[in-house]
Amino acid sequence: MIENSQIDSAIRNVESDTKYILEIIDKTVYSYTEDLDRIMKEIDVHVISQTNPPIDVLEKYFLELSNCVYFVAERTERVGIYDGVSKATAREVYNSAYLANQFGGQLENNKKPTVAESTAKAESASIHETMVNEVYNRAYKIIKSKVDAAQTMISTLSKVISRRMAENQFSNVNNNGRQILNEEVPTWKPF
């Protein structure tokens, strides 16, 4: 029979562990994307939330965001290195524990451990290294998705700037053409 108190306890443990891991991930991500987050928040306030923001504001954020992405993209790959190293470390601990149990461990009655028993011991021995790898893996994915979203915003800002400039040129041509026509064409008066 299912005991609600055990389920509630398991849920509390998962929530507590998850909260701890999320705090580490958030702290890691923030340390790599603080300036990118700031610019994206400013774009939300000064561009997205405004009706027809001035072209100089669009250009400012286009340049600022493009520059920021350059640096954050490098940092993203640095987190990727942490992800790779932590994954290798977790695998090394897992493999060492597995092999030690498989070839050095003896169970009752001098029986050699089964694959399942060795796997369980190796997973247990490498749980902390696996969680560290999970932190860096998730942080890398979050940072990468932020960089991808920023690159999409750069593309969008570029298109809006191009459209605005084309509209301004079209408007200037039309206004100049009317002035020339109005100036050159004499007003017709009946005799």
N, C-alpha and C. Protein backbone atom coordinates (compact mmCIF):
# COMPACT_ATOMS: atom_id res chain seq x y z
N MET A 1 0.83 -1.18 0.00
CA MET A 1 0.00 0.00 0.00
C MET A 1 0.88 1.25 0.00
N ILE A 2 0.45 2.26 -0.70
CA ILE A 2 1.19 3.52 -0.79
C ILE A 2 0.97 4.32 0.48
N GLU A 3 2.09 4.80 1.04
CA GLU A 3 2.00 5.64 2.23
C GLU A 3 2.24 7.09 1.84
N ASN A 4 1.24 7.90 2.07
CA ASN A 4 1.30 9.31 1.69
C ASN A 4 2.46 10.04 2.35
N SER A 5 2.75 9.70 3.60
CA SER A 5 3.83 10.39 4.31
C SER A 5 5.18 10.13 3.64
N GLN A 6 5.40 8.92 3.13
CA GLN A 6 6.65 8.63 2.44
C GLN A 6 6.74 9.37 1.11
N ILE A 7 5.62 9.46 0.41
CA ILE A 7 5.59 10.22 -0.85
C ILE A 7 5.84 11.69 -0.58
N ASP A 8 5.17 12.23 0.45
CA ASP A 8 5.37 13.64 0.81
C ASP A 8 6.82 13.90 1.19
N SER A 9 7.43 12.98 1.92
CA SER A 9 8.83 13.12 2.30
C SER A 9 9.74 13.08 1.08
N ALA A 10 9.47 12.18 0.15
CA ALA A 10 10.26 12.09 -1.08
C ALA A 10 10.13 13.37 -1.90
N ILE A 11 8.92 13.91 -1.97
CA ILE A 11 8.69 15.16 -2.72
C ILE A 11 9.47 16.30 -2.07
N ARG A 12 9.42 16.39 -0.73
CA ARG A 12 10.16 17.45 -0.03
C ARG A 12 11.66 17.33 -0.28
N ASN A 13 12.16 16.11 -0.28
CA ASN A 13 13.59 15.89 -0.54
C ASN A 13 13.95 16.33 -1.95
N VAL A 14 13.13 15.96 -2.94
CA VAL A 14 13.38 16.35 -4.33
C VAL A 14 13.33 17.87 -4.46
N GLU A 15 12.32 18.48 -3.84
CA GLU A 15 12.20 19.94 -3.92
C GLU A 15 13.39 20.63 -3.27
N SER A 16 13.85 20.12 -2.16
CA SER A 16 15.00 20.71 -1.47
C SER A 16 16.27 20.56 -2.30
N ASP A 17 16.51 19.36 -2.82
CA ASP A 17 17.69 19.13 -3.65
C ASP A 17 17.64 19.97 -4.93
N THR A 18 16.45 20.04 -5.53
CA THR A 18 16.28 20.81 -6.77
C THR A 18 16.51 22.29 -6.51
N LYS A 19 15.99 22.79 -5.40
CA LYS A 19 16.18 24.21 -5.06
C LYS A 19 17.67 24.51 -4.92
N TYR A 20 18.38 23.64 -4.26
CA TYR A 20 19.82 23.83 -4.08
C TYR A 20 20.55 23.84 -5.42
N ILE A 21 20.25 22.88 -6.27
CA ILE A 21 20.90 22.78 -7.58
C ILE A 21 20.52 23.98 -8.44
N LEU A 22 19.25 24.39 -8.42
CA LEU A 22 18.82 25.55 -9.22
C LEU A 22 19.52 26.83 -8.77
N GLU A 23 19.74 26.98 -7.47
CA GLU A 23 20.46 28.15 -6.98
C GLU A 23 21.87 28.19 -7.55
N ILE A 24 22.53 27.05 -7.60
CA ILE A 24 23.88 26.98 -8.16
C ILE A 24 23.85 27.29 -9.65
N ILE A 25 22.89 26.70 -10.36
CA ILE A 25 22.77 26.95 -11.81
C ILE A 25 22.49 28.42 -12.08
N ASP A 26 21.53 28.99 -11.34
CA ASP A 26 21.20 30.41 -11.53
C ASP A 26 22.40 31.31 -11.27
N LYS A 27 23.14 31.01 -10.21
CA LYS A 27 24.33 31.81 -9.87
C LYS A 27 25.38 31.68 -10.98
N THR A 28 25.55 30.49 -11.50
CA THR A 28 26.52 30.27 -12.57
C THR A 28 26.10 31.00 -13.83
N VAL A 29 24.85 30.83 -14.23
CA VAL A 29 24.35 31.48 -15.45
C VAL A 29 24.45 32.99 -15.32
N TYR A 30 24.03 33.53 -14.20
CA TYR A 30 24.06 34.98 -13.99
C TYR A 30 25.48 35.53 -14.09
N SER A 31 26.45 34.78 -13.56
CA SER A 31 27.83 35.27 -13.61
C SER A 31 28.35 35.36 -15.05
N TYR A 32 27.77 34.60 -15.94
CA TYR A 32 28.21 34.61 -17.34
C TYR A 32 27.35 35.52 -18.22
N THR A 33 26.13 35.82 -17.80
CA THR A 33 25.21 36.55 -18.69
C THR A 33 24.66 37.83 -18.08
N GLU A 34 25.24 38.31 -17.00
CA GLU A 34 24.72 39.49 -16.32
C GLU A 34 24.56 40.68 -17.27
N ASP A 35 25.58 40.98 -18.06
CA ASP A 35 25.50 42.13 -18.97
C ASP A 35 24.51 41.88 -20.11
N LEU A 36 24.42 40.67 -20.58
CA LEU A 36 23.45 40.33 -21.63
C LEU A 36 22.02 40.48 -21.09
N ASP A 37 21.78 39.99 -19.89
CA ASP A 37 20.45 40.12 -19.27
C ASP A 37 20.07 41.59 -19.11
N ARG A 38 21.04 42.42 -18.69
CA ARG A 38 20.77 43.84 -18.50
C ARG A 38 20.34 44.50 -19.82
N ILE A 39 21.07 44.21 -20.89
CA ILE A 39 20.74 44.81 -22.19
C ILE A 39 19.38 44.33 -22.68
N MET A 40 19.10 43.06 -22.52
CA MET A 40 17.80 42.53 -22.97
C MET A 40 16.65 43.16 -22.17
N LYS A 41 16.86 43.41 -20.88
CA LYS A 41 15.82 44.07 -20.07
C LYS A 41 15.62 45.51 -20.53
N GLU A 42 16.73 46.19 -20.86
CA GLU A 42 16.63 47.56 -21.37
C GLU A 42 15.90 47.59 -22.71
N ILE A 43 16.18 46.62 -23.56
CA ILE A 43 15.49 46.54 -24.85
C ILE A 43 13.99 46.34 -24.63
N ASP A 44 13.66 45.54 -23.65
CA ASP A 44 12.24 45.32 -23.35
C ASP A 44 11.56 46.64 -22.97
N VAL A 45 12.25 47.43 -22.14
CA VAL A 45 11.67 48.69 -21.67
C VAL A 45 11.68 49.77 -22.75
N HIS A 46 12.82 49.94 -23.44
CA HIS A 46 13.00 51.08 -24.33
C HIS A 46 12.64 50.81 -25.80
N VAL A 47 12.47 49.54 -26.16
CA VAL A 47 12.15 49.21 -27.55
C VAL A 47 10.83 48.45 -27.64
N ILE A 48 10.77 47.32 -27.00
CA ILE A 48 9.59 46.43 -27.11
C ILE A 48 8.34 47.11 -26.57
N SER A 49 8.46 47.75 -25.41
CA SER A 49 7.28 48.35 -24.76
C SER A 49 6.90 49.71 -25.33
N GLN A 50 7.70 50.23 -26.26
CA GLN A 50 7.43 51.55 -26.84
C GLN A 50 6.81 51.41 -28.23
N THR A 51 5.96 52.35 -28.56
CA THR A 51 5.43 52.42 -29.91
C THR A 51 6.38 53.26 -30.74
N ASN A 52 6.90 52.68 -31.81
CA ASN A 52 7.83 53.35 -32.70
C ASN A 52 8.98 54.06 -31.97
N PRO A 53 9.85 53.29 -31.32
CA PRO A 53 11.00 53.92 -30.66
C PRO A 53 11.89 54.61 -31.70
N PRO A 54 12.57 55.67 -31.32
CA PRO A 54 13.43 56.40 -32.27
C PRO A 54 14.53 55.50 -32.84
N ILE A 55 14.93 55.80 -34.05
CA ILE A 55 15.92 54.98 -34.72
C ILE A 55 17.27 55.01 -34.00
N ASP A 56 17.60 56.12 -33.34
CA ASP A 56 18.87 56.16 -32.61
C ASP A 56 18.86 55.21 -31.42
N VAL A 57 17.71 54.98 -30.82
CA VAL A 57 17.58 54.00 -29.73
C VAL A 57 17.77 52.59 -30.28
N LEU A 58 17.14 52.32 -31.43
CA LEU A 58 17.29 51.01 -32.08
C LEU A 58 18.76 50.75 -32.43
N GLU A 59 19.41 51.75 -32.99
CA GLU A 59 20.81 51.59 -33.36
C GLU A 59 21.70 51.37 -32.15
N LYS A 60 21.42 52.09 -31.07
CA LYS A 60 22.19 51.94 -29.83
C LYS A 60 22.13 50.51 -29.33
N TYR A 61 20.92 49.96 -29.26
CA TYR A 61 20.78 48.59 -28.74
C TYR A 61 21.26 47.54 -29.74
N PHE A 62 21.16 47.84 -31.01
CA PHE A 62 21.71 46.92 -32.01
C PHE A 62 23.22 46.79 -31.80
N LEU A 63 23.90 47.91 -31.66
CA LEU A 63 25.35 47.89 -31.47
C LEU A 63 25.74 47.29 -30.11
N GLU A 64 25.04 47.71 -29.08
CA GLU A 64 25.36 47.22 -27.74
C GLU A 64 25.15 45.71 -27.62
N LEU A 65 24.05 45.24 -28.16
CA LEU A 65 23.74 43.82 -28.08
C LEU A 65 24.70 43.00 -28.93
N SER A 66 25.03 43.49 -30.11
CA SER A 66 25.99 42.78 -30.97
C SER A 66 27.34 42.64 -30.27
N ASN A 67 27.79 43.71 -29.65
CA ASN A 67 29.06 43.69 -28.93
C ASN A 67 29.01 42.72 -27.74
N CYS A 68 27.93 42.76 -27.00
CA CYS A 68 27.79 41.91 -25.83
C CYS A 68 27.77 40.43 -26.23
N VAL A 69 27.06 40.09 -27.28
CA VAL A 69 26.98 38.70 -27.73
C VAL A 69 28.36 38.16 -28.07
N TYR A 70 29.20 39.01 -28.63
CA TYR A 70 30.57 38.60 -28.96
C TYR A 70 31.27 38.04 -27.71
N PHE A 71 31.17 38.76 -26.60
CA PHE A 71 31.86 38.35 -25.39
C PHE A 71 31.16 37.20 -24.68
N VAL A 72 29.84 37.21 -24.66
CA VAL A 72 29.10 36.14 -23.99
C VAL A 72 29.24 34.82 -24.76
N ALA A 73 29.37 34.88 -26.06
CA ALA A 73 29.56 33.65 -26.84
C ALA A 73 30.87 32.96 -26.44
N GLU A 74 31.90 33.73 -26.19
CA GLU A 74 33.17 33.15 -25.73
C GLU A 74 32.98 32.52 -24.35
N ARG A 75 32.30 33.23 -23.47
CA ARG A 75 32.06 32.70 -22.12
C ARG A 75 31.22 31.43 -22.17
N THR A 76 30.31 31.38 -23.12
CA THR A 76 29.48 30.18 -23.28
C THR A 76 30.34 28.96 -23.53
N GLU A 77 31.31 29.11 -24.39
CA GLU A 77 32.18 27.98 -24.70
C GLU A 77 33.06 27.61 -23.51
N ARG A 78 33.37 28.57 -22.67
CA ARG A 78 34.13 28.26 -21.45
C ARG A 78 33.28 27.39 -20.52
N VAL A 79 32.00 27.69 -20.41
CA VAL A 79 31.10 26.85 -19.61
C VAL A 79 31.00 25.46 -20.25
N GLY A 80 31.03 25.42 -21.56
CA GLY A 80 31.03 24.13 -22.26
C GLY A 80 32.24 23.28 -21.89
N ILE A 81 33.37 23.93 -21.65
CA ILE A 81 34.57 23.21 -21.22
C ILE A 81 34.36 22.63 -19.82
N TYR A 82 33.77 23.42 -18.92
CA TYR A 82 33.45 22.91 -17.59
C TYR A 82 32.49 21.71 -17.70
N ASP A 83 31.55 21.81 -18.59
CA ASP A 83 30.61 20.71 -18.82
C ASP A 83 31.36 19.45 -19.24
N GLY A 84 32.26 19.60 -20.20
CA GLY A 84 33.02 18.44 -20.68
C GLY A 84 33.93 17.84 -19.62
N VAL A 85 34.64 18.69 -18.88
CA VAL A 85 35.54 18.20 -17.85
C VAL A 85 34.76 17.52 -16.72
N SER A 86 33.66 18.12 -16.32
CA SER A 86 32.87 17.53 -15.23
C SER A 86 32.24 16.21 -15.67
N LYS A 87 31.90 16.11 -16.94
CA LYS A 87 31.36 14.84 -17.45
C LYS A 87 32.44 13.76 -17.44
N ALA A 88 33.65 14.11 -17.86
CA ALA A 88 34.75 13.15 -17.86
C ALA A 88 35.08 12.72 -16.42
N THR A 89 35.04 13.66 -15.50
CA THR A 89 35.32 13.34 -14.10
C THR A 89 34.27 12.38 -13.55
N ALA A 90 33.00 12.66 -13.85
CA ALA A 90 31.92 11.78 -13.37
C ALA A 90 32.08 10.38 -13.95
N ARG A 91 32.43 10.30 -15.22
CA ARG A 91 32.63 8.98 -15.86
C ARG A 91 33.82 8.25 -15.24
N GLU A 92 34.88 8.99 -14.94
CA GLU A 92 36.06 8.37 -14.34
C GLU A 92 35.74 7.78 -12.97
N VAL A 93 35.04 8.55 -12.14
CA VAL A 93 34.66 8.05 -10.82
C VAL A 93 33.73 6.84 -10.96
N TYR A 94 32.76 6.94 -11.87
CA TYR A 94 31.83 5.83 -12.10
C TYR A 94 32.60 4.58 -12.52
N ASN A 95 33.45 4.71 -13.52
CA ASN A 95 34.20 3.56 -14.04
C ASN A 95 35.12 2.95 -12.99
N SER A 96 35.79 3.80 -12.22
CA SER A 96 36.68 3.30 -11.17
C SER A 96 35.90 2.50 -10.12
N ALA A 97 34.76 3.04 -9.71
CA ALA A 97 33.94 2.34 -8.72
C ALA A 97 33.38 1.05 -9.29
N TYR A 98 32.98 1.09 -10.53
CA TYR A 98 32.43 -0.12 -11.18
C TYR A 98 33.49 -1.22 -11.24
N LEU A 99 34.67 -0.84 -11.74
CA LEU A 99 35.74 -1.84 -11.88
C LEU A 99 36.22 -2.34 -10.52
N ALA A 100 36.32 -1.45 -9.55
CA ALA A 100 36.74 -1.87 -8.21
C ALA A 100 35.75 -2.87 -7.63
N ASN A 101 34.49 -2.63 -7.84
CA ASN A 101 33.47 -3.55 -7.33
C ASN A 101 33.45 -4.84 -8.13
N GLN A 102 33.60 -4.73 -9.42
CA GLN A 102 33.52 -5.91 -10.29
C GLN A 102 34.70 -6.87 -10.07
N PHE A 103 35.89 -6.29 -9.92
CA PHE A 103 37.07 -7.15 -9.83
C PHE A 103 37.63 -7.27 -8.42
N GLY A 104 37.26 -6.36 -7.55
CA GLY A 104 37.81 -6.43 -6.20
C GLY A 104 36.78 -6.75 -5.14
N GLY A 105 35.54 -6.62 -5.49
CA GLY A 105 34.48 -6.85 -4.51
C GLY A 105 34.03 -8.29 -4.49
N GLN A 106 33.84 -8.79 -3.31
CA GLN A 106 33.30 -10.13 -3.15
C GLN A 106 32.05 -10.04 -2.28
N LEU A 107 31.07 -10.77 -2.64
CA LEU A 107 29.84 -10.79 -1.87
C LEU A 107 29.84 -12.02 -0.96
N GLU A 108 28.72 -12.23 -0.35
CA GLU A 108 28.56 -13.43 0.49
C GLU A 108 28.86 -14.67 -0.33
N ASN A 109 29.37 -15.66 0.31
CA ASN A 109 29.67 -16.95 -0.31
C ASN A 109 30.69 -16.82 -1.44
N ASN A 110 31.56 -15.80 -1.37
CA ASN A 110 32.60 -15.61 -2.39
C ASN A 110 32.05 -15.49 -3.81
N LYS A 111 30.85 -14.95 -3.94
CA LYS A 111 30.27 -14.76 -5.28
C LYS A 111 30.75 -13.43 -5.85
N LYS A 112 31.00 -13.43 -7.12
CA LYS A 112 31.39 -12.20 -7.83
C LYS A 112 30.13 -11.33 -7.97
N PRO A 113 30.28 -9.99 -7.81
CA PRO A 113 29.10 -9.12 -7.94
C PRO A 113 28.52 -9.17 -9.36
N THR A 114 27.22 -9.00 -9.44
CA THR A 114 26.57 -8.96 -10.75
C THR A 114 26.79 -7.59 -11.39
N VAL A 115 26.48 -7.50 -12.66
CA VAL A 115 26.59 -6.22 -13.37
C VAL A 115 25.68 -5.18 -12.72
N ALA A 116 24.49 -5.58 -12.35
CA ALA A 116 23.54 -4.66 -11.71
C ALA A 116 24.09 -4.14 -10.38
N GLU A 117 24.72 -5.02 -9.60
CA GLU A 117 25.28 -4.61 -8.32
C GLU A 117 26.46 -3.65 -8.53
N SER A 118 27.30 -3.95 -9.49
CA SER A 118 28.43 -3.06 -9.79
C SER A 118 27.95 -1.72 -10.31
N THR A 119 26.93 -1.74 -11.15
CA THR A 119 26.35 -0.49 -11.68
C THR A 119 25.79 0.35 -10.55
N ALA A 120 25.05 -0.27 -9.64
CA ALA A 120 24.46 0.46 -8.51
C ALA A 120 25.55 1.10 -7.65
N LYS A 121 26.61 0.37 -7.36
CA LYS A 121 27.71 0.91 -6.55
C LYS A 121 28.41 2.05 -7.29
N ALA A 122 28.62 1.90 -8.58
CA ALA A 122 29.29 2.93 -9.37
C ALA A 122 28.44 4.20 -9.45
N GLU A 123 27.14 4.03 -9.63
CA GLU A 123 26.24 5.20 -9.66
C GLU A 123 26.23 5.91 -8.33
N SER A 124 26.21 5.14 -7.25
CA SER A 124 26.22 5.72 -5.92
C SER A 124 27.53 6.46 -5.65
N ALA A 125 28.64 5.88 -6.07
CA ALA A 125 29.95 6.49 -5.84
C ALA A 125 30.15 7.78 -6.64
N SER A 126 29.49 7.88 -7.79
CA SER A 126 29.71 9.03 -8.67
C SER A 126 28.56 10.04 -8.66
N ILE A 127 27.66 9.94 -7.70
CA ILE A 127 26.47 10.80 -7.69
C ILE A 127 26.83 12.28 -7.60
N HIS A 128 27.82 12.65 -6.79
CA HIS A 128 28.15 14.07 -6.64
C HIS A 128 28.80 14.63 -7.91
N GLU A 129 29.70 13.85 -8.50
CA GLU A 129 30.32 14.28 -9.75
C GLU A 129 29.28 14.38 -10.87
N THR A 130 28.31 13.47 -10.85
CA THR A 130 27.24 13.51 -11.85
C THR A 130 26.39 14.76 -11.68
N MET A 131 26.12 15.16 -10.43
CA MET A 131 25.33 16.36 -10.19
C MET A 131 26.11 17.62 -10.59
N VAL A 132 27.42 17.63 -10.35
CA VAL A 132 28.24 18.77 -10.78
C VAL A 132 28.18 18.88 -12.30
N ASN A 133 28.27 17.74 -12.99
CA ASN A 133 28.15 17.75 -14.44
C ASN A 133 26.78 18.26 -14.87
N GLU A 134 25.75 17.86 -14.17
CA GLU A 134 24.39 18.32 -14.50
C GLU A 134 24.29 19.84 -14.36
N VAL A 135 24.91 20.39 -13.33
CA VAL A 135 24.91 21.85 -13.12
C VAL A 135 25.54 22.53 -14.32
N TYR A 136 26.73 22.11 -14.71
CA TYR A 136 27.41 22.75 -15.83
C TYR A 136 26.71 22.50 -17.16
N ASN A 137 26.14 21.31 -17.32
CA ASN A 137 25.42 21.00 -18.55
C ASN A 137 24.20 21.89 -18.71
N ARG A 138 23.43 22.03 -17.63
CA ARG A 138 22.23 22.89 -17.68
C ARG A 138 22.60 24.36 -17.82
N ALA A 139 23.63 24.79 -17.12
CA ALA A 139 24.08 26.18 -17.24
C ALA A 139 24.50 26.47 -18.67
N TYR A 140 25.24 25.56 -19.27
CA TYR A 140 25.67 25.73 -20.67
C TYR A 140 24.46 25.87 -21.59
N LYS A 141 23.47 25.01 -21.42
CA LYS A 141 22.29 25.06 -22.28
C LYS A 141 21.51 26.36 -22.10
N ILE A 142 21.39 26.82 -20.85
CA ILE A 142 20.66 28.07 -20.59
C ILE A 142 21.41 29.26 -21.21
N ILE A 143 22.72 29.31 -20.99
CA ILE A 143 23.51 30.41 -21.55
C ILE A 143 23.45 30.39 -23.07
N LYS A 144 23.59 29.21 -23.65
CA LYS A 144 23.53 29.07 -25.11
C LYS A 144 22.18 29.54 -25.64
N SER A 145 21.09 29.19 -24.96
CA SER A 145 19.78 29.63 -25.44
C SER A 145 19.62 31.14 -25.30
N LYS A 146 20.22 31.75 -24.28
CA LYS A 146 20.18 33.21 -24.15
C LYS A 146 20.95 33.87 -25.29
N VAL A 147 22.11 33.31 -25.64
CA VAL A 147 22.89 33.86 -26.75
C VAL A 147 22.11 33.71 -28.05
N ASP A 148 21.47 32.57 -28.26
CA ASP A 148 20.65 32.37 -29.46
C ASP A 148 19.51 33.38 -29.53
N ALA A 149 18.86 33.62 -28.40
CA ALA A 149 17.75 34.59 -28.36
C ALA A 149 18.28 36.00 -28.62
N ALA A 150 19.45 36.32 -28.09
CA ALA A 150 20.05 37.64 -28.33
C ALA A 150 20.40 37.81 -29.80
N GLN A 151 20.89 36.75 -30.44
CA GLN A 151 21.20 36.83 -31.87
C GLN A 151 19.92 37.03 -32.69
N THR A 152 18.84 36.42 -32.27
CA THR A 152 17.55 36.65 -32.93
C THR A 152 17.12 38.11 -32.76
N MET A 153 17.33 38.65 -31.57
CA MET A 153 16.99 40.06 -31.32
C MET A 153 17.85 40.98 -32.18
N ILE A 154 19.13 40.65 -32.33
CA ILE A 154 20.01 41.44 -33.20
C ILE A 154 19.47 41.46 -34.62
N SER A 155 19.07 40.31 -35.10
CA SER A 155 18.51 40.21 -36.45
C SER A 155 17.23 41.02 -36.57
N THR A 156 16.39 40.94 -35.56
CA THR A 156 15.13 41.70 -35.56
C THR A 156 15.40 43.20 -35.54
N LEU A 157 16.32 43.64 -34.69
CA LEU A 157 16.65 45.07 -34.65
C LEU A 157 17.19 45.53 -35.99
N SER A 158 18.01 44.71 -36.61
CA SER A 158 18.56 45.05 -37.93
C SER A 158 17.45 45.24 -38.96
N LYS A 159 16.49 44.34 -38.95
CA LYS A 159 15.36 44.44 -39.90
C LYS A 159 14.52 45.68 -39.63
N VAL A 160 14.27 45.97 -38.36
CA VAL A 160 13.47 47.15 -38.02
C VAL A 160 14.21 48.42 -38.44
N ILE A 161 15.51 48.48 -38.18
CA ILE A 161 16.30 49.64 -38.58
C ILE A 161 16.28 49.80 -40.10
N SER A 162 16.47 48.73 -40.83
CA SER A 162 16.44 48.78 -42.30
C SER A 162 15.09 49.26 -42.81
N ARG A 163 14.02 48.72 -42.23
CA ARG A 163 12.68 49.12 -42.65
C ARG A 163 12.44 50.60 -42.37
N ARG A 164 12.84 51.05 -41.19
CA ARG A 164 12.66 52.46 -40.82
C ARG A 164 13.44 53.38 -41.75
N MET A 165 14.66 52.99 -42.06
CA MET A 165 15.48 53.82 -42.95
C MET A 165 14.87 53.88 -44.35
N ALA A 166 14.36 52.75 -44.83
CA ALA A 166 13.71 52.72 -46.15
C ALA A 166 12.47 53.60 -46.14
N GLU A 167 11.69 53.53 -45.05
CA GLU A 167 10.49 54.38 -44.94
C GLU A 167 10.87 55.86 -44.94
N ASN A 168 11.93 56.20 -44.21
CA ASN A 168 12.37 57.60 -44.15
C ASN A 168 12.85 58.08 -45.52
N GLN A 169 13.58 57.26 -46.24
CA GLN A 169 14.05 57.63 -47.57
C GLN A 169 12.87 57.80 -48.52
N PHE A 170 11.91 56.90 -48.45
CA PHE A 170 10.72 56.98 -49.29
C PHE A 170 9.93 58.25 -48.97
N SER A 171 9.81 58.53 -47.67
CA SER A 171 9.09 59.72 -47.24
C SER A 171 9.81 60.99 -47.71
N ASN A 172 11.13 61.02 -47.63
CA ASN A 172 11.90 62.18 -48.09
C ASN A 172 11.78 62.37 -49.59
N VAL A 173 11.83 61.30 -50.35
CA VAL A 173 11.70 61.39 -51.81
C VAL A 173 10.33 61.94 -52.17
N ASN A 174 9.30 61.43 -51.52
CA ASN A 174 7.94 61.90 -51.81
C ASN A 174 7.78 63.36 -51.43
N ASN A 175 8.28 63.74 -50.26
CA ASN A 175 8.15 65.13 -49.82
C ASN A 175 8.95 66.06 -50.73
N ASN A 176 10.14 65.67 -51.09
CA ASN A 176 10.96 66.51 -51.97
C ASN A 176 10.33 66.61 -53.35
N GLY A 177 9.79 65.54 -53.84
CA GLY A 177 9.16 65.54 -55.16
C GLY A 177 7.96 66.47 -55.19
N ARG A 178 7.16 66.48 -54.14
CA ARG A 178 5.99 67.36 -54.09
C ARG A 178 6.42 68.82 -54.04
N GLN A 179 7.43 69.11 -53.29
CA GLN A 179 7.89 70.49 -53.20
C GLN A 179 8.39 70.98 -54.56
N ILE A 180 9.14 70.14 -55.24
CA ILE A 180 9.66 70.53 -56.56
C ILE A 180 8.50 70.73 -57.51
N LEU A 181 7.55 69.80 -57.50
CA LEU A 181 6.40 69.93 -58.40
C LEU A 181 5.60 71.18 -58.07
N ASN A 182 5.38 71.41 -56.78
CA ASN A 182 4.61 72.59 -56.40
C ASN A 182 5.33 73.88 -56.78
N GLU A 183 6.62 73.87 -56.69
CA GLU A 183 7.37 75.07 -57.01
C GLU A 183 7.46 75.31 -58.51
N GLU A 184 7.57 74.27 -59.30
CA GLU A 184 7.79 74.42 -60.73
C GLU A 184 6.49 74.63 -61.51
N VAL A 185 5.41 74.11 -60.99
CA VAL A 185 4.16 74.21 -61.74
C VAL A 185 3.46 75.51 -61.34
N PRO A 186 3.26 76.39 -62.31
CA PRO A 186 2.57 77.63 -61.99
C PRO A 186 1.09 77.37 -61.74
N THR A 187 0.53 78.22 -60.92
CA THR A 187 -0.89 78.10 -60.63
C THR A 187 -1.68 78.59 -61.83
N TRP A 188 -2.67 77.88 -62.27
CA TRP A 188 -3.48 78.22 -63.42
C TRP A 188 -4.54 79.23 -63.02
N LYS A 189 -4.63 80.31 -63.75
CA LYS A 189 -5.65 81.32 -63.48
C LYS A 189 -6.46 81.52 -64.75
N PRO A 190 -7.74 81.58 -64.63
CA PRO A 190 -8.55 81.83 -65.83
C PRO A 190 -8.36 83.28 -66.30
N PHE A 191 -8.49 83.51 -67.60
CA PHE A 191 -8.33 84.86 -68.17
C PHE A 191 -9.48 85.71 -67.87
